[in-house]
Amino acid sequence: MLISFSPTPQCFFGREQATLSNFKEKHQLLARLGVDKHLLIYFNQDFAELKAKDFIQQVLLDKLNMKYCLIGDDFRFGKKRQGDLDLLQSLSKTKGFSVENTQSVLCNDCRASSSEIRTLLAHGDLDAVTQMLGREFSISGKIIHGQQKGRTIGFPTINIPIKRKISPVLGVFATTVEIQGSVFQGVCNIGNRPTISGKEILLEVFLFDFDREVYGIEARVVFKHKIRDEEKFDSFEALKQQIELDTQQAKAFFKI
């Protein structure tokens, strides 16, 4: 069993940060890795007030009957982050469970962590992200109806809402999209679309040689190569010209 929290403690205490995956994506990834149970604990004020020793006794032991605990070497838990590996190890001797420490994993002499991955994503270093994650970075979601402005300039897109306040990636990318077992190539923009005064972050993908009705269908967008940052253009015509250039660069990346 793997335990995670929603919202994350950082978000609950007002330190909002981009999450690398939503709960559904995380659950699917864990299932593919062979994790049989994924427990999501709702993090609220009452839980934030729970002392570390009480969390161990009331949650891990009384409710979950824990016999073995695998914990990261820098993980902290309980009120005011008082719980750590040392506390678990000291209590394990009298409470009848064992503890194992997952040592930090180094990738190119850098500690693998969500913070480092967010930094790499912000810089568009997708190769390094793939090495650190052990997979390509992707975002999944159901395709929704958009404003269909791209259709008016010859670039119809599929649109996927980003159900998080902060996106870990922003800009224009060459991407592949998995839809119902098929893989398509394209170019995407992820951001708030400043040229049309967009407010919410949206993932829009123009797929090459694609003409299907896919509203309401789950899609997985895999980020292959960053082309540029998102920009605000003076006119819709200027945006169209830039999308044409972006499309050319994406096709060159895919060698098509």
C-alpha atoms as a PDB file:
ATOM      1  CA  MET A   1       0.000   0.000   0.000  1.00  0.00           C
ATOM      2  CA  LEU A   2       1.182   3.495  -0.852  1.00  0.00           C
ATOM      3  CA  ILE A   3      -0.129   6.542   1.022  1.00  0.00           C
ATOM      4  CA  SER A   4      -0.480  10.005  -0.485  1.00  0.00           C
ATOM      5  CA  PHE A   5      -2.261  13.180   0.585  1.00  0.00           C
ATOM      6  CA  SER A   6      -4.761  15.523  -1.050  1.00  0.00           C
ATOM      7  CA  PRO A   7      -4.302  18.388  -1.114  1.00  0.00           C
ATOM      8  CA  THR A   8      -0.570  18.146  -0.618  1.00  0.00           C
ATOM      9  CA  PRO A   9       0.626  19.658   2.679  1.00  0.00           C
ATOM     10  CA  GLN A  10       2.474  22.367   0.723  1.00  0.00           C
ATOM     11  CA  CYS A  11      -0.734  23.425  -1.019  1.00  0.00           C
ATOM     12  CA  PHE A  12      -2.761  23.260   2.194  1.00  0.00           C
ATOM     13  CA  PHE A  13      -0.363  25.648   3.932  1.00  0.00           C
ATOM     14  CA  GLY A  14      -0.448  28.086   1.015  1.00  0.00           C
ATOM     15  CA  ARG A  15       2.799  27.079  -0.674  1.00  0.00           C
ATOM     16  CA  GLU A  16       1.149  26.273  -3.997  1.00  0.00           C
ATOM     17  CA  GLN A  17       3.353  24.431  -6.470  1.00  0.00           C
ATOM     18  CA  ALA A  18       2.918  22.576  -9.725  1.00  0.00           C
ATOM     19  CA  THR A  19       2.094  18.897  -9.323  1.00  0.00           C
ATOM     20  CA  LEU A  20       3.647  16.447 -11.764  1.00  0.00           C
ATOM     21  CA  SER A  21       0.502  14.305 -11.936  1.00  0.00           C
ATOM     22  CA  ASN A  22      -3.070  14.425 -10.715  1.00  0.00           C
ATOM     23  CA  PHE A  23      -4.508  11.679  -8.524  1.00  0.00           C
ATOM     24  CA  LYS A  24      -5.863   9.601 -11.415  1.00  0.00           C
ATOM     25  CA  GLU A  25      -2.556   9.726 -13.303  1.00  0.00           C
ATOM     26  CA  LYS A  26      -0.626   8.838 -10.149  1.00  0.00           C
ATOM     27  CA  HIS A  27      -2.981   5.957  -9.400  1.00  0.00           C
ATOM     28  CA  GLN A  28      -2.577   4.541 -12.922  1.00  0.00           C
ATOM     29  CA  LEU A  29       1.220   4.843 -12.779  1.00  0.00           C
ATOM     30  CA  LEU A  30       1.342   3.072  -9.421  1.00  0.00           C
ATOM     31  CA  ALA A  31      -0.892   0.279 -10.702  1.00  0.00           C
ATOM     32  CA  ARG A  32       1.471  -0.294 -13.633  1.00  0.00           C
ATOM     33  CA  LEU A  33       4.331  -0.551 -11.131  1.00  0.00           C
ATOM     34  CA  GLY A  34       2.494  -3.271  -9.230  1.00  0.00           C
ATOM     35  CA  VAL A  35       1.217  -1.268  -6.240  1.00  0.00           C
ATOM     36  CA  ASP A  36      -1.956  -3.089  -5.207  1.00  0.00           C
ATOM     37  CA  LYS A  37      -3.466  -0.381  -2.981  1.00  0.00           C
ATOM     38  CA  HIS A  38      -3.224   3.404  -3.047  1.00  0.00           C
ATOM     39  CA  LEU A  39      -4.618   5.183   0.010  1.00  0.00           C
ATOM     40  CA  LEU A  40      -5.464   8.869  -0.416  1.00  0.00           C
ATOM     41  CA  ILE A  41      -5.713  10.746   2.890  1.00  0.00           C
ATOM     42  CA  TYR A  42      -7.636  14.020   2.929  1.00  0.00           C
ATOM     43  CA  PHE A  43      -5.297  16.642   4.383  1.00  0.00           C
ATOM     44  CA  ASN A  44      -7.291  19.173   6.417  1.00  0.00           C
ATOM     45  CA  GLN A  45      -6.753  21.259   9.545  1.00  0.00           C
ATOM     46  CA  ASP A  46      -7.562  18.377  11.892  1.00  0.00           C
ATOM     47  CA  PHE A  47      -5.034  16.165  10.145  1.00  0.00           C
ATOM     48  CA  ALA A  48      -2.449  18.959  10.162  1.00  0.00           C
ATOM     49  CA  GLU A  49      -2.787  19.119  13.970  1.00  0.00           C
ATOM     50  CA  LEU A  50      -2.115  15.385  14.365  1.00  0.00           C
ATOM     51  CA  LYS A  51       1.184  14.807  16.147  1.00  0.00           C
ATOM     52  CA  ALA A  52       3.719  12.495  14.541  1.00  0.00           C
ATOM     53  CA  LYS A  53       3.453   9.800  17.234  1.00  0.00           C
ATOM     54  CA  ASP A  54      -0.358   9.930  17.044  1.00  0.00           C
ATOM     55  CA  PHE A  55      -0.233   9.525  13.252  1.00  0.00           C
ATOM     56  CA  ILE A  56       1.911   6.428  13.654  1.00  0.00           C
ATOM     57  CA  GLN A  57      -0.310   4.928  16.342  1.00  0.00           C
ATOM     58  CA  GLN A  58      -3.799   5.967  15.210  1.00  0.00           C
ATOM     59  CA  VAL A  59      -3.399   5.721  11.428  1.00  0.00           C
ATOM     60  CA  LEU A  60      -0.490   3.444  10.577  1.00  0.00           C
ATOM     61  CA  LEU A  61      -0.874   0.927  13.398  1.00  0.00           C
ATOM     62  CA  ASP A  62      -4.480   0.999  14.646  1.00  0.00           C
ATOM     63  CA  LYS A  63      -6.195   1.486  11.265  1.00  0.00           C
ATOM     64  CA  LEU A  64      -3.736  -0.017   8.797  1.00  0.00           C
ATOM     65  CA  ASN A  65      -2.041  -2.614  11.008  1.00  0.00           C
ATOM     66  CA  MET A  66       1.324  -1.641   9.529  1.00  0.00           C
ATOM     67  CA  LYS A  67       4.117  -4.212   9.756  1.00  0.00           C
ATOM     68  CA  TYR A  68       6.614  -2.649   7.350  1.00  0.00           C
ATOM     69  CA  CYS A  69       7.271   0.971   6.381  1.00  0.00           C
ATOM     70  CA  LEU A  70       9.304   2.240   3.437  1.00  0.00           C
ATOM     71  CA  ILE A  71      10.081   5.949   3.801  1.00  0.00           C
ATOM     72  CA  GLY A  72      12.167   8.521   1.950  1.00  0.00           C
ATOM     73  CA  ASP A  73      15.280   9.732   3.728  1.00  0.00           C
ATOM     74  CA  ASP A  74      14.029  13.341   3.827  1.00  0.00           C
ATOM     75  CA  PHE A  75      10.332  12.705   4.526  1.00  0.00           C
ATOM     76  CA  ARG A  76       8.731  14.614   7.406  1.00  0.00           C
ATOM     77  CA  PHE A  77       5.263  14.096   8.861  1.00  0.00           C
ATOM     78  CA  GLY A  78       3.047  15.084  11.768  1.00  0.00           C
ATOM     79  CA  LYS A  79       2.358  18.460  13.343  1.00  0.00           C
ATOM     80  CA  LYS A  80       5.176  20.921  12.656  1.00  0.00           C
ATOM     81  CA  ARG A  81       6.981  18.193  10.651  1.00  0.00           C
ATOM     82  CA  GLN A  82       8.242  16.563  13.843  1.00  0.00           C
ATOM     83  CA  GLY A  83       8.104  12.995  12.519  1.00  0.00           C
ATOM     84  CA  ASP A  84      10.960  11.499  10.520  1.00  0.00           C
ATOM     85  CA  LEU A  85      12.887   8.311   9.846  1.00  0.00           C
ATOM     86  CA  ASP A  86      14.578   8.397  13.250  1.00  0.00           C
ATOM     87  CA  LEU A  87      11.230   8.530  15.069  1.00  0.00           C
ATOM     88  CA  LEU A  88       9.873   5.585  13.094  1.00  0.00           C
ATOM     89  CA  GLN A  89      12.998   3.554  13.748  1.00  0.00           C
ATOM     90  CA  SER A  90      12.891   4.259  17.482  1.00  0.00           C
ATOM     91  CA  LEU A  91       9.215   3.253  17.770  1.00  0.00           C
ATOM     92  CA  SER A  92       9.575   0.194  15.552  1.00  0.00           C
ATOM     93  CA  LYS A  93      11.471  -1.624  18.294  1.00  0.00           C
ATOM     94  CA  THR A  94       8.481  -1.600  20.663  1.00  0.00           C
ATOM     95  CA  LYS A  95       5.549  -1.380  18.227  1.00  0.00           C
ATOM     96  CA  GLY A  96       6.306  -4.477  16.176  1.00  0.00           C
ATOM     97  CA  PHE A  97       7.038  -3.087  12.714  1.00  0.00           C
ATOM     98  CA  SER A  98      10.148  -2.664  10.593  1.00  0.00           C
ATOM     99  CA  VAL A  99      11.368   0.429   8.730  1.00  0.00           C
ATOM    100  CA  GLU A 100      13.430   0.742   5.584  1.00  0.00           C
ATOM    101  CA  ASN A 101      14.982   3.935   4.276  1.00  0.00           C
ATOM    102  CA  THR A 102      14.924   4.633   0.538  1.00  0.00           C
ATOM    103  CA  GLN A 103      18.268   6.231  -0.198  1.00  0.00           C
ATOM    104  CA  SER A 104      18.349   9.263  -2.467  1.00  0.00           C
ATOM    105  CA  VAL A 105      18.621   8.377  -6.150  1.00  0.00           C
ATOM    106  CA  LEU A 106      21.190  10.314  -8.161  1.00  0.00           C
ATOM    107  CA  CYS A 107      20.756  11.065 -11.841  1.00  0.00           C
ATOM    108  CA  ASN A 108      23.713  12.733 -13.561  1.00  0.00           C
ATOM    109  CA  ASP A 109      25.089  13.617 -10.112  1.00  0.00           C
ATOM    110  CA  CYS A 110      21.813  15.334  -9.188  1.00  0.00           C
ATOM    111  CA  ARG A 111      19.355  14.089  -6.562  1.00  0.00           C
ATOM    112  CA  ALA A 112      16.142  12.887  -8.203  1.00  0.00           C
ATOM    113  CA  SER A 113      13.229  14.811  -6.709  1.00  0.00           C
ATOM    114  CA  SER A 114       9.960  16.409  -7.748  1.00  0.00           C
ATOM    115  CA  SER A 115      11.516  19.842  -7.172  1.00  0.00           C
ATOM    116  CA  GLU A 116      14.368  19.104  -9.568  1.00  0.00           C
ATOM    117  CA  ILE A 117      11.961  17.683 -12.151  1.00  0.00           C
ATOM    118  CA  ARG A 118       9.829  20.840 -11.965  1.00  0.00           C
ATOM    119  CA  THR A 119      12.957  22.918 -12.573  1.00  0.00           C
ATOM    120  CA  LEU A 120      13.926  20.799 -15.581  1.00  0.00           C
ATOM    121  CA  LEU A 121      10.397  21.055 -17.001  1.00  0.00           C
ATOM    122  CA  ALA A 122      10.448  24.831 -16.590  1.00  0.00           C
ATOM    123  CA  HIS A 123      13.696  24.915 -18.595  1.00  0.00           C
ATOM    124  CA  GLY A 124      12.305  22.588 -21.261  1.00  0.00           C
ATOM    125  CA  ASP A 125      14.947  19.906 -20.647  1.00  0.00           C
ATOM    126  CA  LEU A 126      12.686  16.961 -21.458  1.00  0.00           C
ATOM    127  CA  ASP A 127      15.524  14.475 -21.989  1.00  0.00           C
ATOM    128  CA  ALA A 128      16.736  15.045 -18.427  1.00  0.00           C
ATOM    129  CA  VAL A 129      13.143  14.807 -17.180  1.00  0.00           C
ATOM    130  CA  THR A 130      12.745  11.425 -18.880  1.00  0.00           C
ATOM    131  CA  GLN A 131      15.951  10.159 -17.278  1.00  0.00           C
ATOM    132  CA  MET A 132      14.871  11.289 -13.824  1.00  0.00           C
ATOM    133  CA  LEU A 133      11.246  10.130 -14.062  1.00  0.00           C
ATOM    134  CA  GLY A 134      12.054   6.860 -15.783  1.00  0.00           C
ATOM    135  CA  ARG A 135       9.366   7.722 -18.342  1.00  0.00           C
ATOM    136  CA  GLU A 136       8.383  10.572 -20.628  1.00  0.00           C
ATOM    137  CA  PHE A 137       6.426  13.389 -19.024  1.00  0.00           C
ATOM    138  CA  SER A 138       2.760  13.409 -19.983  1.00  0.00           C
ATOM    139  CA  ILE A 139      -0.594  14.934 -19.071  1.00  0.00           C
ATOM    140  CA  SER A 140      -3.887  13.068 -19.383  1.00  0.00           C
ATOM    141  CA  GLY A 141      -7.482  14.194 -19.416  1.00  0.00           C
ATOM    142  CA  LYS A 142     -10.797  14.137 -21.232  1.00  0.00           C
ATOM    143  CA  ILE A 143     -11.090  16.093 -24.465  1.00  0.00           C
ATOM    144  CA  ILE A 144     -13.534  18.994 -24.142  1.00  0.00           C
ATOM    145  CA  HIS A 145     -15.172  21.495 -26.467  1.00  0.00           C
ATOM    146  CA  GLY A 146     -13.097  24.646 -26.903  1.00  0.00           C
ATOM    147  CA  GLN A 147     -13.817  28.052 -28.404  1.00  0.00           C
ATOM    148  CA  GLN A 148     -12.914  26.631 -31.840  1.00  0.00           C
ATOM    149  CA  LYS A 149     -10.859  29.712 -32.704  1.00  0.00           C
ATOM    150  CA  GLY A 150      -8.049  27.539 -34.072  1.00  0.00           C
ATOM    151  CA  ARG A 151     -10.468  25.986 -36.540  1.00  0.00           C
ATOM    152  CA  THR A 152     -11.090  29.411 -38.107  1.00  0.00           C
ATOM    153  CA  ILE A 153      -7.408  29.755 -39.070  1.00  0.00           C
ATOM    154  CA  GLY A 154      -6.836  26.196 -40.235  1.00  0.00           C
ATOM    155  CA  PHE A 155      -5.507  24.731 -36.986  1.00  0.00           C
ATOM    156  CA  PRO A 156      -8.304  22.813 -35.229  1.00  0.00           C
ATOM    157  CA  THR A 157      -7.205  21.545 -31.842  1.00  0.00           C
ATOM    158  CA  ILE A 158      -8.225  19.025 -29.252  1.00  0.00           C
ATOM    159  CA  ASN A 159      -8.540  20.680 -25.865  1.00  0.00           C
ATOM    160  CA  ILE A 160      -7.761  19.195 -22.464  1.00  0.00           C
ATOM    161  CA  PRO A 161      -8.327  21.138 -19.224  1.00  0.00           C
ATOM    162  CA  ILE A 162      -5.453  21.242 -16.752  1.00  0.00           C
ATOM    163  CA  LYS A 163      -7.111  20.557 -13.424  1.00  0.00           C
ATOM    164  CA  ARG A 164      -4.473  22.238 -11.308  1.00  0.00           C
ATOM    165  CA  LYS A 165      -3.764  25.845 -10.365  1.00  0.00           C
ATOM    166  CA  ILE A 166      -0.175  25.766 -11.606  1.00  0.00           C
ATOM    167  CA  SER A 167       0.995  23.779 -14.615  1.00  0.00           C
ATOM    168  CA  PRO A 168       4.440  22.133 -14.460  1.00  0.00           C
ATOM    169  CA  VAL A 169       4.954  22.986 -18.149  1.00  0.00           C
ATOM    170  CA  LEU A 170       4.121  26.072 -20.197  1.00  0.00           C
ATOM    171  CA  GLY A 171       4.790  26.865 -23.825  1.00  0.00           C
ATOM    172  CA  VAL A 172       4.717  25.198 -27.226  1.00  0.00           C
ATOM    173  CA  PHE A 173       5.840  21.586 -27.661  1.00  0.00           C
ATOM    174  CA  ALA A 174       6.089  18.812 -30.210  1.00  0.00           C
ATOM    175  CA  THR A 175       3.885  16.078 -28.761  1.00  0.00           C
ATOM    176  CA  THR A 176       2.361  12.697 -29.354  1.00  0.00           C
ATOM    177  CA  VAL A 177      -1.198  12.001 -28.263  1.00  0.00           C
ATOM    178  CA  GLU A 178      -2.597   8.594 -27.360  1.00  0.00           C
ATOM    179  CA  ILE A 179      -6.323   8.253 -28.073  1.00  0.00           C
ATOM    180  CA  GLN A 180      -8.129   4.907 -27.797  1.00  0.00           C
ATOM    181  CA  GLY A 181      -4.969   2.915 -28.445  1.00  0.00           C
ATOM    182  CA  SER A 182      -3.757   4.991 -31.403  1.00  0.00           C
ATOM    183  CA  VAL A 183      -0.844   7.453 -31.338  1.00  0.00           C
ATOM    184  CA  PHE A 184      -0.885  10.734 -33.256  1.00  0.00           C
ATOM    185  CA  GLN A 185       1.787  13.401 -33.698  1.00  0.00           C
ATOM    186  CA  GLY A 186       1.171  17.095 -33.286  1.00  0.00           C
ATOM    187  CA  VAL A 187       2.118  20.428 -31.786  1.00  0.00           C
ATOM    188  CA  CYS A 188       0.608  21.803 -28.604  1.00  0.00           C
ATOM    189  CA  ASN A 189       0.325  24.997 -26.632  1.00  0.00           C
ATOM    190  CA  ILE A 190      -0.166  24.824 -22.889  1.00  0.00           C
ATOM    191  CA  GLY A 191      -0.893  28.072 -21.091  1.00  0.00           C
ATOM    192  CA  ASN A 192      -3.560  30.725 -20.650  1.00  0.00           C
ATOM    193  CA  ARG A 193      -3.558  31.856 -24.323  1.00  0.00           C
ATOM    194  CA  PRO A 194      -2.705  35.557 -23.808  1.00  0.00           C
ATOM    195  CA  THR A 195      -3.464  36.562 -27.412  1.00  0.00           C
ATOM    196  CA  ILE A 196      -7.169  35.818 -26.861  1.00  0.00           C
ATOM    197  CA  SER A 197      -7.125  36.953 -23.203  1.00  0.00           C
ATOM    198  CA  GLY A 198      -7.552  33.447 -21.857  1.00  0.00           C
ATOM    199  CA  LYS A 199      -7.817  33.085 -18.089  1.00  0.00           C
ATOM    200  CA  GLU A 200      -7.592  29.365 -17.347  1.00  0.00           C
ATOM    201  CA  ILE A 201      -4.667  27.145 -18.285  1.00  0.00           C
ATOM    202  CA  LEU A 202      -5.603  24.913 -21.207  1.00  0.00           C
ATOM    203  CA  LEU A 203      -3.744  22.264 -23.178  1.00  0.00           C
ATOM    204  CA  GLU A 204      -4.475  22.615 -26.911  1.00  0.00           C
ATOM    205  CA  VAL A 205      -3.040  20.171 -29.453  1.00  0.00           C
ATOM    206  CA  PHE A 206      -3.098  20.476 -33.240  1.00  0.00           C
ATOM    207  CA  LEU A 207      -2.785  16.923 -34.568  1.00  0.00           C
ATOM    208  CA  PHE A 208      -1.339  16.309 -38.018  1.00  0.00           C
ATOM    209  CA  ASP A 209      -3.647  14.596 -40.538  1.00  0.00           C
ATOM    210  CA  PHE A 210      -6.384  14.122 -37.960  1.00  0.00           C
ATOM    211  CA  ASP A 211     -10.126  14.501 -38.485  1.00  0.00           C
ATOM    212  CA  ARG A 212     -12.154  12.644 -35.867  1.00  0.00           C
ATOM    213  CA  GLU A 213     -14.808  13.500 -33.295  1.00  0.00           C
ATOM    214  CA  VAL A 214     -13.200  12.687 -29.948  1.00  0.00           C
ATOM    215  CA  TYR A 215     -15.051  14.858 -27.426  1.00  0.00           C
ATOM    216  CA  GLY A 216     -15.367  13.205 -24.027  1.00  0.00           C
ATOM    217  CA  ILE A 217     -12.627  10.669 -24.770  1.00  0.00           C
ATOM    218  CA  GLU A 218      -9.572  10.271 -22.535  1.00  0.00           C
ATOM    219  CA  ALA A 219      -6.276  11.319 -24.142  1.00  0.00           C
ATOM    220  CA  ARG A 220      -2.666  11.189 -22.990  1.00  0.00           C
ATOM    221  CA  VAL A 221      -0.366  13.935 -24.266  1.00  0.00           C
ATOM    222  CA  VAL A 222       3.351  13.073 -24.211  1.00  0.00           C
ATOM    223  CA  PHE A 223       5.747  16.024 -24.341  1.00  0.00           C
ATOM    224  CA  LYS A 224       8.598  15.282 -26.753  1.00  0.00           C
ATOM    225  CA  HIS A 225      10.394  18.562 -27.468  1.00  0.00           C
ATOM    226  CA  LYS A 226       9.987  22.186 -26.405  1.00  0.00           C
ATOM    227  CA  ILE A 227       9.749  24.630 -29.300  1.00  0.00           C
ATOM    228  CA  ARG A 228       9.281  27.965 -27.530  1.00  0.00           C
ATOM    229  CA  ASP A 229       7.677  29.793 -24.618  1.00  0.00           C
ATOM    230  CA  GLU A 230       4.098  31.014 -24.840  1.00  0.00           C
ATOM    231  CA  GLU A 231       3.794  34.529 -26.282  1.00  0.00           C
ATOM    232  CA  LYS A 232       1.178  37.231 -26.729  1.00  0.00           C
ATOM    233  CA  PHE A 233       0.804  38.363 -30.339  1.00  0.00           C
ATOM    234  CA  ASP A 234      -0.534  41.683 -31.608  1.00  0.00           C
ATOM    235  CA  SER A 235      -3.090  40.050 -33.880  1.00  0.00           C
ATOM    236  CA  PHE A 236      -4.733  36.738 -34.654  1.00  0.00           C
ATOM    237  CA  GLU A 237      -2.988  36.795 -38.041  1.00  0.00           C
ATOM    238  CA  ALA A 238       0.415  37.050 -36.333  1.00  0.00           C
ATOM    239  CA  LEU A 239      -0.559  34.115 -34.130  1.00  0.00           C
ATOM    240  CA  LYS A 240      -1.526  32.102 -37.216  1.00  0.00           C
ATOM    241  CA  GLN A 241       1.860  32.762 -38.825  1.00  0.00           C
ATOM    242  CA  GLN A 242       3.655  31.648 -35.663  1.00  0.00           C
ATOM    243  CA  ILE A 243       1.576  28.463 -35.430  1.00  0.00           C
ATOM    244  CA  GLU A 244       2.610  27.670 -39.004  1.00  0.00           C
ATOM    245  CA  LEU A 245       6.262  28.014 -37.956  1.00  0.00           C
ATOM    246  CA  ASP A 246       5.657  25.930 -34.825  1.00  0.00           C
ATOM    247  CA  THR A 247       4.052  23.224 -36.949  1.00  0.00           C
ATOM    248  CA  GLN A 248       7.045  23.180 -39.288  1.00  0.00           C
ATOM    249  CA  GLN A 249       9.426  22.798 -36.341  1.00  0.00           C
ATOM    250  CA  ALA A 250       7.355  19.999 -34.823  1.00  0.00           C
ATOM    251  CA  LYS A 251       7.238  18.139 -38.142  1.00  0.00           C
ATOM    252  CA  ALA A 252      10.990  18.592 -38.504  1.00  0.00           C
ATOM    253  CA  PHE A 253      11.444  17.087 -35.037  1.00  0.00           C
ATOM    254  CA  PHE A 254       9.329  14.081 -36.042  1.00  0.00           C
ATOM    255  CA  LYS A 255      11.073  13.937 -39.447  1.00  0.00           C
ATOM    256  CA  ILE A 256       7.819  14.143 -41.409  1.00  0.00           C
END
